[in-house]
């Protein structure tokens, strides 16, 4: 029984780890790419919490690509599995941020003080300068809801899926095809 509980990061890697790393990298890139499309094509200006939710994805994409490369090059199992573990932890961080932000939008709890709605333009100063200033939206109001969920809610769901994919890859047994 003790040998069955051997530390999972030392198990040989194979197709499952390659697939997990590839799916995680693709999923994170699609998630952050979708957010950037909503921002730059759709015109939805992200709030401070929206921008913060992208950070784990920005960090995770190159880590997942490194895990994919390590799996393909048959690097030591601990390296591939360790990188997948890092991706899983990053997606759990993203999940927590998404839940927090969605809770702020649903008024379950207060958001950060610096994420409040910004008032109208100050007409006492230079009108053109005040109209030029871009103010991020409040974190308390969802800019868009798809099937009843805000983008923060969708980020939480996608992050949970990606965390599951990465963590399963990190701790899954090596398969008989391509194990080292």
N, C-alpha and C. Protein backbone atom coordinates (compact mmCIF):
# COMPACT_ATOMS: atom_id res chain seq x y z
N UNK A 1 0.82 -1.19 0.00
CA UNK A 1 0.00 0.00 0.00
C UNK A 1 0.86 1.25 0.00
N UNK A 2 1.97 1.22 0.71
CA UNK A 2 2.84 2.39 0.78
C UNK A 2 3.41 2.74 -0.58
N UNK A 3 3.69 1.74 -1.42
CA UNK A 3 4.23 2.03 -2.75
C UNK A 3 3.19 2.67 -3.66
N UNK A 4 1.88 2.38 -3.41
CA UNK A 4 0.82 3.00 -4.20
C UNK A 4 0.67 4.48 -3.89
N UNK A 5 1.09 4.87 -2.71
CA UNK A 5 0.93 6.25 -2.30
C UNK A 5 2.22 7.03 -2.53
N UNK A 6 3.07 6.52 -3.41
CA UNK A 6 4.33 7.21 -3.69
C UNK A 6 4.04 8.61 -4.22
N UNK A 7 4.95 9.48 -4.00
CA UNK A 7 4.76 10.88 -4.38
C UNK A 7 4.48 10.96 -5.87
N UNK A 8 3.34 11.50 -6.22
CA UNK A 8 2.84 11.51 -7.60
C UNK A 8 3.73 12.25 -8.57
N UNK A 9 4.45 13.24 -8.10
CA UNK A 9 5.26 14.03 -9.03
C UNK A 9 6.42 13.23 -9.61
N UNK A 10 6.75 12.10 -9.00
CA UNK A 10 7.86 11.29 -9.50
C UNK A 10 7.42 10.21 -10.48
N UNK A 11 6.12 10.02 -10.63
CA UNK A 11 5.64 9.01 -11.58
C UNK A 11 6.04 9.40 -12.99
N UNK A 12 6.24 8.43 -13.86
CA UNK A 12 6.58 8.75 -15.25
C UNK A 12 5.44 9.53 -15.91
N UNK A 13 5.79 10.31 -16.90
CA UNK A 13 4.78 11.09 -17.61
C UNK A 13 4.55 10.51 -19.00
N UNK A 14 3.50 10.95 -19.64
CA UNK A 14 3.19 10.45 -20.97
C UNK A 14 2.12 11.30 -21.63
N UNK A 15 1.25 10.62 -22.37
CA UNK A 15 0.23 11.29 -23.16
C UNK A 15 -0.69 12.15 -22.31
N UNK A 16 -1.08 11.67 -21.14
CA UNK A 16 -2.00 12.43 -20.28
C UNK A 16 -1.42 13.78 -19.88
N UNK A 17 -0.16 13.82 -19.57
CA UNK A 17 0.46 15.07 -19.17
C UNK A 17 0.61 16.00 -20.38
N UNK A 18 0.95 15.43 -21.53
CA UNK A 18 1.05 16.23 -22.75
C UNK A 18 -0.31 16.84 -23.09
N UNK A 19 -1.35 16.02 -23.02
CA UNK A 19 -2.70 16.49 -23.31
C UNK A 19 -3.15 17.54 -22.31
N UNK A 20 -2.90 17.32 -21.04
CA UNK A 20 -3.29 18.27 -20.00
C UNK A 20 -2.61 19.62 -20.20
N UNK A 21 -1.31 19.58 -20.48
CA UNK A 21 -0.57 20.83 -20.68
C UNK A 21 -1.08 21.57 -21.91
N UNK A 22 -1.32 20.83 -23.00
CA UNK A 22 -1.82 21.46 -24.23
C UNK A 22 -3.21 22.05 -24.04
N UNK A 23 -4.10 21.30 -23.39
CA UNK A 23 -5.46 21.81 -23.14
C UNK A 23 -5.45 23.02 -22.21
N UNK A 24 -4.60 22.98 -21.20
CA UNK A 24 -4.52 24.10 -20.27
C UNK A 24 -4.01 25.36 -20.97
N UNK A 25 -2.95 25.21 -21.77
CA UNK A 25 -2.42 26.37 -22.49
C UNK A 25 -3.46 26.93 -23.46
N UNK A 26 -4.09 26.06 -24.21
CA UNK A 26 -5.12 26.48 -25.15
C UNK A 26 -6.30 27.12 -24.44
N UNK A 27 -6.75 26.52 -23.34
CA UNK A 27 -7.88 27.06 -22.59
C UNK A 27 -7.60 28.42 -21.98
N UNK A 28 -6.41 28.59 -21.42
CA UNK A 28 -6.05 29.89 -20.85
C UNK A 28 -5.93 30.95 -21.94
N UNK A 29 -5.31 30.57 -23.07
CA UNK A 29 -5.18 31.52 -24.17
C UNK A 29 -6.55 31.93 -24.72
N UNK A 30 -7.47 30.96 -24.82
CA UNK A 30 -8.82 31.26 -25.30
C UNK A 30 -9.57 32.15 -24.30
N UNK A 31 -9.40 31.89 -23.02
CA UNK A 31 -10.07 32.69 -22.00
C UNK A 31 -9.61 34.13 -22.03
N UNK A 32 -8.31 34.33 -21.98
CA UNK A 32 -7.80 35.70 -21.97
C UNK A 32 -7.98 36.35 -23.35
N UNK A 33 -7.91 35.56 -24.41
CA UNK A 33 -8.17 36.09 -25.75
C UNK A 33 -9.61 36.56 -25.90
N UNK A 34 -10.54 35.80 -25.33
CA UNK A 34 -11.94 36.22 -25.35
C UNK A 34 -12.14 37.51 -24.58
N UNK A 35 -11.49 37.62 -23.42
CA UNK A 35 -11.59 38.86 -22.63
C UNK A 35 -11.03 40.04 -23.42
N UNK A 36 -9.92 39.83 -24.09
CA UNK A 36 -9.34 40.91 -24.89
C UNK A 36 -10.23 41.28 -26.08
N UNK A 37 -10.90 40.30 -26.67
CA UNK A 37 -11.85 40.58 -27.75
C UNK A 37 -13.03 41.41 -27.24
N UNK A 38 -13.59 41.03 -26.09
CA UNK A 38 -14.68 41.81 -25.52
C UNK A 38 -14.23 43.23 -25.25
N UNK A 39 -12.98 43.40 -24.84
CA UNK A 39 -12.46 44.73 -24.53
C UNK A 39 -12.20 45.54 -25.79
N UNK A 40 -11.42 45.00 -26.72
CA UNK A 40 -10.96 45.78 -27.87
C UNK A 40 -11.92 45.79 -29.05
N UNK A 41 -12.70 44.74 -29.21
CA UNK A 41 -13.66 44.69 -30.32
C UNK A 41 -15.06 45.06 -29.83
N UNK A 42 -15.43 44.52 -28.68
CA UNK A 42 -16.77 44.77 -28.15
C UNK A 42 -16.91 46.10 -27.42
N UNK A 43 -15.79 46.69 -27.02
CA UNK A 43 -15.84 47.98 -26.34
C UNK A 43 -16.16 47.91 -24.85
N UNK A 44 -16.07 46.72 -24.26
CA UNK A 44 -16.32 46.58 -22.82
C UNK A 44 -15.04 46.91 -22.06
N UNK A 45 -15.05 48.04 -21.36
CA UNK A 45 -13.87 48.46 -20.61
C UNK A 45 -13.81 47.64 -19.33
N UNK A 46 -12.69 46.96 -19.08
CA UNK A 46 -12.60 46.12 -17.88
C UNK A 46 -12.39 46.97 -16.62
N UNK A 47 -12.97 46.51 -15.52
CA UNK A 47 -12.73 47.16 -14.23
C UNK A 47 -11.41 46.63 -13.66
N UNK A 48 -11.04 47.14 -12.51
CA UNK A 48 -9.76 46.72 -11.90
C UNK A 48 -9.75 45.23 -11.57
N UNK A 49 -10.89 44.68 -11.09
CA UNK A 49 -10.93 43.25 -10.77
C UNK A 49 -10.88 42.40 -12.03
N UNK A 50 -11.48 42.90 -13.12
CA UNK A 50 -11.41 42.16 -14.39
C UNK A 50 -9.95 42.03 -14.84
N UNK A 51 -9.23 43.12 -14.74
CA UNK A 51 -7.82 43.09 -15.15
C UNK A 51 -7.01 42.18 -14.24
N UNK A 52 -7.33 42.18 -12.95
CA UNK A 52 -6.61 41.33 -12.01
C UNK A 52 -6.85 39.85 -12.29
N UNK A 53 -8.04 39.51 -12.77
CA UNK A 53 -8.36 38.11 -13.06
C UNK A 53 -7.56 37.57 -14.24
N UNK A 54 -7.03 38.45 -15.07
CA UNK A 54 -6.23 38.00 -16.21
C UNK A 54 -4.82 37.58 -15.81
N UNK A 55 -4.32 38.10 -14.70
CA UNK A 55 -2.94 37.84 -14.29
C UNK A 55 -2.60 36.35 -14.20
N UNK A 56 -3.42 35.51 -13.53
CA UNK A 56 -3.06 34.10 -13.48
C UNK A 56 -2.98 33.45 -14.87
N UNK A 57 -3.79 33.93 -15.80
CA UNK A 57 -3.75 33.39 -17.16
C UNK A 57 -2.47 33.84 -17.87
N UNK A 58 -2.12 35.11 -17.71
CA UNK A 58 -0.89 35.61 -18.34
C UNK A 58 0.33 34.86 -17.84
N UNK A 59 0.35 34.53 -16.56
CA UNK A 59 1.46 33.77 -15.99
C UNK A 59 1.36 32.30 -16.41
N UNK A 60 0.15 31.78 -16.41
CA UNK A 60 -0.07 30.36 -16.66
C UNK A 60 0.18 29.89 -18.07
N UNK A 61 -0.07 30.74 -19.06
CA UNK A 61 0.12 30.32 -20.46
C UNK A 61 1.56 29.88 -20.72
N UNK A 62 2.57 30.70 -20.40
CA UNK A 62 3.94 30.22 -20.65
C UNK A 62 4.33 29.03 -19.77
N UNK A 63 3.78 28.94 -18.56
CA UNK A 63 4.08 27.79 -17.70
C UNK A 63 3.49 26.52 -18.33
N UNK A 64 2.26 26.61 -18.82
CA UNK A 64 1.65 25.44 -19.47
C UNK A 64 2.40 25.07 -20.75
N UNK A 65 2.86 26.07 -21.50
CA UNK A 65 3.65 25.77 -22.70
C UNK A 65 4.97 25.10 -22.33
N UNK A 66 5.56 25.54 -21.22
CA UNK A 66 6.79 24.89 -20.74
C UNK A 66 6.50 23.44 -20.33
N UNK A 67 5.34 23.21 -19.69
CA UNK A 67 4.96 21.83 -19.32
C UNK A 67 4.74 20.98 -20.57
N UNK A 68 4.12 21.57 -21.57
CA UNK A 68 3.91 20.85 -22.84
C UNK A 68 5.24 20.49 -23.47
N UNK A 69 6.15 21.44 -23.50
CA UNK A 69 7.47 21.19 -24.06
C UNK A 69 8.22 20.13 -23.24
N UNK A 70 8.13 20.23 -21.94
CA UNK A 70 8.81 19.25 -21.08
C UNK A 70 8.24 17.85 -21.30
N UNK A 71 6.91 17.76 -21.44
CA UNK A 71 6.30 16.45 -21.67
C UNK A 71 6.71 15.89 -23.03
N UNK A 72 6.72 16.73 -24.05
CA UNK A 72 7.08 16.28 -25.40
C UNK A 72 8.55 15.88 -25.49
N UNK A 73 9.41 16.58 -24.76
CA UNK A 73 10.85 16.28 -24.80
C UNK A 73 11.24 15.22 -23.78
N UNK A 74 10.26 14.66 -23.11
CA UNK A 74 10.48 13.62 -22.10
C UNK A 74 11.46 14.08 -21.02
N UNK A 75 11.22 15.28 -20.54
CA UNK A 75 12.01 15.83 -19.44
C UNK A 75 11.69 15.01 -18.18
N UNK A 76 12.46 15.18 -17.14
CA UNK A 76 12.15 14.45 -15.89
C UNK A 76 10.69 14.67 -15.48
N UNK A 77 10.09 13.60 -15.01
CA UNK A 77 8.66 13.64 -14.65
C UNK A 77 8.36 14.73 -13.64
N UNK A 78 9.24 14.94 -12.68
CA UNK A 78 8.99 15.95 -11.65
C UNK A 78 8.87 17.35 -12.26
N UNK A 79 9.60 17.62 -13.33
CA UNK A 79 9.53 18.92 -13.98
C UNK A 79 8.17 19.11 -14.64
N UNK A 80 7.77 18.14 -15.45
CA UNK A 80 6.49 18.24 -16.15
C UNK A 80 5.34 18.31 -15.17
N UNK A 81 5.33 17.42 -14.20
CA UNK A 81 4.25 17.40 -13.21
C UNK A 81 4.27 18.64 -12.34
N UNK A 82 5.45 19.11 -11.99
CA UNK A 82 5.56 20.34 -11.19
C UNK A 82 5.01 21.54 -11.93
N UNK A 83 5.31 21.65 -13.22
CA UNK A 83 4.77 22.75 -14.02
C UNK A 83 3.25 22.66 -14.13
N UNK A 84 2.72 21.45 -14.30
CA UNK A 84 1.27 21.28 -14.33
C UNK A 84 0.65 21.64 -12.98
N UNK A 85 1.32 21.31 -11.90
CA UNK A 85 0.85 21.68 -10.57
C UNK A 85 0.79 23.20 -10.43
N UNK A 86 1.81 23.89 -10.92
CA UNK A 86 1.81 25.36 -10.87
C UNK A 86 0.64 25.92 -11.68
N UNK A 87 0.39 25.36 -12.85
CA UNK A 87 -0.75 25.81 -13.67
C UNK A 87 -2.05 25.58 -12.91
N UNK A 88 -2.20 24.43 -12.28
CA UNK A 88 -3.40 24.15 -11.50
C UNK A 88 -3.59 25.14 -10.37
N UNK A 89 -2.52 25.47 -9.67
CA UNK A 89 -2.60 26.44 -8.58
C UNK A 89 -2.94 27.84 -9.10
N UNK A 90 -2.37 28.21 -10.25
CA UNK A 90 -2.70 29.50 -10.86
C UNK A 90 -4.18 29.57 -11.22
N UNK A 91 -4.73 28.48 -11.73
CA UNK A 91 -6.14 28.47 -12.10
C UNK A 91 -7.04 28.47 -10.86
N UNK A 92 -6.57 27.89 -9.75
CA UNK A 92 -7.32 28.00 -8.50
C UNK A 92 -7.33 29.44 -8.00
N UNK A 93 -6.21 30.15 -8.19
CA UNK A 93 -6.13 31.58 -7.86
C UNK A 93 -7.12 32.34 -8.73
N UNK A 94 -7.16 32.04 -10.01
CA UNK A 94 -8.10 32.69 -10.93
C UNK A 94 -9.54 32.38 -10.55
N UNK A 95 -9.80 31.14 -10.14
CA UNK A 95 -11.13 30.74 -9.68
C UNK A 95 -11.55 31.59 -8.48
N UNK A 96 -10.66 31.74 -7.52
CA UNK A 96 -10.96 32.54 -6.32
C UNK A 96 -11.24 33.99 -6.70
N UNK A 97 -10.44 34.55 -7.60
CA UNK A 97 -10.68 35.93 -8.05
C UNK A 97 -12.02 36.06 -8.76
N UNK A 98 -12.37 35.08 -9.59
CA UNK A 98 -13.64 35.12 -10.30
C UNK A 98 -14.83 35.04 -9.36
N UNK A 99 -14.74 34.16 -8.36
CA UNK A 99 -15.81 34.05 -7.37
C UNK A 99 -15.93 35.34 -6.58
N UNK A 100 -14.80 35.89 -6.17
CA UNK A 100 -14.80 37.15 -5.42
C UNK A 100 -15.46 38.25 -6.25
N UNK A 101 -15.06 38.39 -7.49
CA UNK A 101 -15.60 39.45 -8.34
C UNK A 101 -17.09 39.24 -8.60
N UNK A 102 -17.49 38.01 -8.88
CA UNK A 102 -18.92 37.74 -9.10
C UNK A 102 -19.72 38.06 -7.83
N UNK A 103 -19.17 37.75 -6.67
CA UNK A 103 -19.83 38.08 -5.41
C UNK A 103 -19.98 39.57 -5.21
N UNK A 104 -18.97 40.33 -5.63
CA UNK A 104 -19.05 41.80 -5.56
C UNK A 104 -20.16 42.29 -6.49
N UNK A 105 -20.24 41.71 -7.68
CA UNK A 105 -21.28 42.11 -8.63
C UNK A 105 -22.69 41.79 -8.12
N UNK A 106 -22.84 40.68 -7.42
CA UNK A 106 -24.14 40.29 -6.88
C UNK A 106 -24.39 40.93 -5.51
N UNK A 107 -23.48 41.79 -5.07
CA UNK A 107 -23.61 42.50 -3.79
C UNK A 107 -23.58 41.56 -2.58
N UNK A 108 -22.91 40.39 -2.72
CA UNK A 108 -22.77 39.47 -1.60
C UNK A 108 -21.77 40.02 -0.58
N UNK A 109 -20.78 40.76 -1.05
CA UNK A 109 -19.78 41.38 -0.19
C UNK A 109 -19.26 42.62 -0.91
N UNK A 110 -18.57 43.44 -0.14
CA UNK A 110 -18.04 44.69 -0.70
C UNK A 110 -16.78 44.42 -1.51
N UNK A 111 -16.60 45.21 -2.53
CA UNK A 111 -15.40 45.12 -3.35
C UNK A 111 -14.33 46.04 -2.80
N UNK A 112 -13.20 46.08 -3.47
CA UNK A 112 -12.13 46.98 -3.03
C UNK A 112 -12.57 48.44 -3.15
N UNK A 113 -12.05 49.28 -2.28
CA UNK A 113 -12.43 50.70 -2.25
C UNK A 113 -12.05 51.41 -3.54
N UNK A 114 -10.97 50.98 -4.18
CA UNK A 114 -10.52 51.66 -5.40
C UNK A 114 -11.27 51.18 -6.64
N UNK A 115 -12.33 50.44 -6.45
CA UNK A 115 -13.07 49.88 -7.58
C UNK A 115 -14.50 50.41 -7.59
N UNK A 116 -14.71 51.57 -7.00
CA UNK A 116 -16.05 52.15 -6.94
C UNK A 116 -16.38 52.86 -8.24
N UNK A 117 -17.64 53.11 -8.43
CA UNK A 117 -18.08 53.84 -9.63
C UNK A 117 -17.50 55.24 -9.61
N UNK A 118 -17.14 55.72 -10.76
CA UNK A 118 -16.56 57.05 -10.90
C UNK A 118 -17.67 58.00 -11.33
N UNK A 119 -17.70 59.17 -10.71
CA UNK A 119 -18.73 60.17 -11.04
C UNK A 119 -18.52 60.74 -12.43
N UNK A 120 -19.39 61.64 -12.80
CA UNK A 120 -19.34 62.26 -14.13
C UNK A 120 -18.13 63.18 -14.27
N UNK A 121 -17.99 63.75 -15.43
CA UNK A 121 -16.87 64.62 -15.73
C UNK A 121 -16.96 65.88 -14.88
N UNK A 122 -15.82 66.37 -14.43
CA UNK A 122 -15.75 67.60 -13.66
C UNK A 122 -15.71 68.76 -14.64
N UNK A 123 -16.80 69.50 -14.72
CA UNK A 123 -16.90 70.58 -15.70
C UNK A 123 -16.28 71.87 -15.20
N UNK A 124 -15.77 71.89 -13.95
CA UNK A 124 -15.17 73.12 -13.44
C UNK A 124 -13.78 73.34 -14.04
N UNK A 125 -13.12 72.30 -14.48
CA UNK A 125 -11.79 72.43 -15.06
C UNK A 125 -11.88 72.47 -16.57
N UNK A 126 -10.85 72.01 -17.22
CA UNK A 126 -10.79 71.98 -18.68
C UNK A 126 -11.74 70.89 -19.20
N UNK A 127 -12.75 71.26 -19.93
CA UNK A 127 -13.76 70.33 -20.41
C UNK A 127 -13.16 69.25 -21.30
N UNK A 128 -12.32 69.62 -22.24
CA UNK A 128 -11.73 68.62 -23.14
C UNK A 128 -10.86 67.64 -22.39
N UNK A 129 -10.12 68.14 -21.40
CA UNK A 129 -9.26 67.25 -20.62
C UNK A 129 -10.09 66.26 -19.80
N UNK A 130 -11.19 66.72 -19.23
CA UNK A 130 -12.01 65.83 -18.43
C UNK A 130 -12.75 64.81 -19.30
N UNK A 131 -13.11 65.19 -20.53
CA UNK A 131 -13.75 64.25 -21.43
C UNK A 131 -12.77 63.23 -21.97
N UNK A 132 -11.50 63.60 -22.04
CA UNK A 132 -10.45 62.72 -22.53
C UNK A 132 -10.10 61.62 -21.54
N UNK A 133 -10.29 61.90 -20.25
CA UNK A 133 -9.90 60.93 -19.22
C UNK A 133 -10.80 59.70 -19.30
N UNK A 134 -10.18 58.53 -19.29
CA UNK A 134 -10.93 57.29 -19.32
C UNK A 134 -11.02 56.77 -17.89
N UNK A 135 -12.22 56.55 -17.42
CA UNK A 135 -12.43 56.04 -16.08
C UNK A 135 -12.93 54.61 -16.17
N UNK A 136 -12.26 53.68 -15.49
CA UNK A 136 -12.73 52.29 -15.54
C UNK A 136 -14.08 52.18 -14.86
N UNK A 137 -14.88 51.23 -15.27
CA UNK A 137 -16.20 51.06 -14.67
C UNK A 137 -16.09 50.50 -13.25
N UNK A 138 -17.19 50.56 -12.55
CA UNK A 138 -17.26 50.02 -11.20
C UNK A 138 -17.20 48.49 -11.25
N UNK A 139 -16.59 47.91 -10.24
CA UNK A 139 -16.52 46.45 -10.13
C UNK A 139 -17.84 45.84 -9.67
N UNK A 140 -18.76 46.69 -9.23
CA UNK A 140 -20.01 46.20 -8.66
C UNK A 140 -21.08 45.94 -9.71
N UNK A 141 -20.84 46.37 -10.93
CA UNK A 141 -21.84 46.21 -11.98
C UNK A 141 -21.25 45.38 -13.12
N UNK A 142 -21.92 44.29 -13.45
CA UNK A 142 -21.47 43.45 -14.56
C UNK A 142 -21.74 44.20 -15.88
N UNK A 143 -20.72 44.33 -16.68
CA UNK A 143 -20.87 45.01 -17.97
C UNK A 143 -21.68 44.18 -18.94
N UNK A 144 -21.63 42.86 -18.77
CA UNK A 144 -22.29 41.94 -19.70
C UNK A 144 -22.63 40.66 -18.96
N UNK A 145 -23.80 40.12 -19.22
CA UNK A 145 -24.17 38.82 -18.68
C UNK A 145 -24.52 37.91 -19.85
N UNK A 146 -23.97 36.71 -19.82
CA UNK A 146 -24.24 35.70 -20.84
C UNK A 146 -24.85 34.50 -20.11
N UNK A 147 -26.06 34.14 -20.49
CA UNK A 147 -26.81 33.06 -19.82
C UNK A 147 -26.90 33.31 -18.32
N UNK A 148 -27.06 34.56 -17.94
CA UNK A 148 -27.22 34.93 -16.54
C UNK A 148 -25.94 35.11 -15.76
N UNK A 149 -24.80 34.78 -16.35
CA UNK A 149 -23.52 34.92 -15.65
C UNK A 149 -22.71 36.06 -16.23
N UNK A 150 -22.06 36.80 -15.34
CA UNK A 150 -21.15 37.85 -15.80
C UNK A 150 -19.87 37.22 -16.32
N UNK A 151 -19.02 38.03 -16.91
CA UNK A 151 -17.74 37.51 -17.39
C UNK A 151 -16.89 37.00 -16.22
N UNK A 152 -17.04 37.60 -15.04
CA UNK A 152 -16.34 37.10 -13.86
C UNK A 152 -16.82 35.70 -13.49
N UNK A 153 -18.11 35.47 -13.60
CA UNK A 153 -18.66 34.15 -13.33
C UNK A 153 -18.17 33.12 -14.33
N UNK A 154 -18.13 33.52 -15.60
CA UNK A 154 -17.62 32.60 -16.63
C UNK A 154 -16.14 32.32 -16.42
N UNK A 155 -15.38 33.34 -15.98
CA UNK A 155 -13.97 33.12 -15.69
C UNK A 155 -13.82 32.10 -14.57
N UNK A 156 -14.69 32.17 -13.56
CA UNK A 156 -14.62 31.22 -12.45
C UNK A 156 -14.87 29.79 -12.95
N UNK A 157 -15.87 29.64 -13.80
CA UNK A 157 -16.19 28.30 -14.33
C UNK A 157 -15.04 27.77 -15.18
N UNK A 158 -14.53 28.60 -16.09
CA UNK A 158 -13.44 28.16 -16.96
C UNK A 158 -12.17 27.87 -16.14
N UNK A 159 -11.92 28.68 -15.13
CA UNK A 159 -10.75 28.46 -14.28
C UNK A 159 -10.87 27.15 -13.51
N UNK A 160 -12.08 26.82 -13.05
CA UNK A 160 -12.29 25.56 -12.34
C UNK A 160 -12.01 24.38 -13.27
N UNK A 161 -12.48 24.48 -14.51
CA UNK A 161 -12.25 23.42 -15.49
C UNK A 161 -10.76 23.28 -15.78
N UNK A 162 -10.09 24.42 -16.01
CA UNK A 162 -8.66 24.39 -16.33
C UNK A 162 -7.83 23.91 -15.13
N UNK A 163 -8.24 24.26 -13.92
CA UNK A 163 -7.54 23.77 -12.73
C UNK A 163 -7.67 22.26 -12.64
N UNK A 164 -8.86 21.75 -12.93
CA UNK A 164 -9.09 20.30 -12.90
C UNK A 164 -8.23 19.59 -13.94
N UNK A 165 -8.18 20.15 -15.15
CA UNK A 165 -7.37 19.56 -16.22
C UNK A 165 -5.90 19.52 -15.82
N UNK A 166 -5.38 20.63 -15.32
CA UNK A 166 -3.96 20.70 -14.96
C UNK A 166 -3.63 19.81 -13.77
N UNK A 167 -4.47 19.83 -12.75
CA UNK A 167 -4.18 19.03 -11.56
C UNK A 167 -4.33 17.53 -11.83
N UNK A 168 -5.29 17.17 -12.66
CA UNK A 168 -5.41 15.75 -13.03
C UNK A 168 -4.18 15.31 -13.81
N UNK A 169 -3.69 16.18 -14.68
CA UNK A 169 -2.47 15.85 -15.42
C UNK A 169 -1.26 15.75 -14.51
N UNK A 170 -1.22 16.61 -13.49
CA UNK A 170 -0.08 16.59 -12.57
C UNK A 170 -0.05 15.32 -11.73
N UNK A 171 -1.22 14.79 -11.38
CA UNK A 171 -1.27 13.66 -10.46
C UNK A 171 -1.74 12.36 -11.09
N UNK A 172 -2.03 12.36 -12.39
CA UNK A 172 -2.47 11.13 -13.06
C UNK A 172 -1.30 10.17 -13.23
N UNK A 173 -1.63 8.92 -13.32
CA UNK A 173 -0.59 7.92 -13.59
C UNK A 173 -0.04 8.15 -14.99
N UNK A 174 1.21 7.79 -15.17
CA UNK A 174 1.79 7.80 -16.51
C UNK A 174 1.14 6.70 -17.34
N UNK A 175 0.95 6.91 -18.60
CA UNK A 175 0.33 5.86 -19.42
C UNK A 175 1.41 5.00 -20.07
N UNK A 176 1.00 3.93 -20.64
CA UNK A 176 1.98 3.00 -21.21
C UNK A 176 2.55 3.50 -22.52
N UNK A 177 1.90 4.51 -23.14
CA UNK A 177 2.42 5.05 -24.40
C UNK A 177 3.26 6.26 -24.11
N UNK A 178 4.51 6.20 -24.39
CA UNK A 178 5.40 7.34 -24.25
C UNK A 178 5.84 7.65 -22.84
N UNK A 179 5.79 6.71 -21.92
CA UNK A 179 6.27 6.98 -20.57
C UNK A 179 7.79 6.96 -20.57
N UNK A 180 8.36 7.71 -19.65
CA UNK A 180 9.83 7.69 -19.53
C UNK A 180 10.23 7.25 -18.16
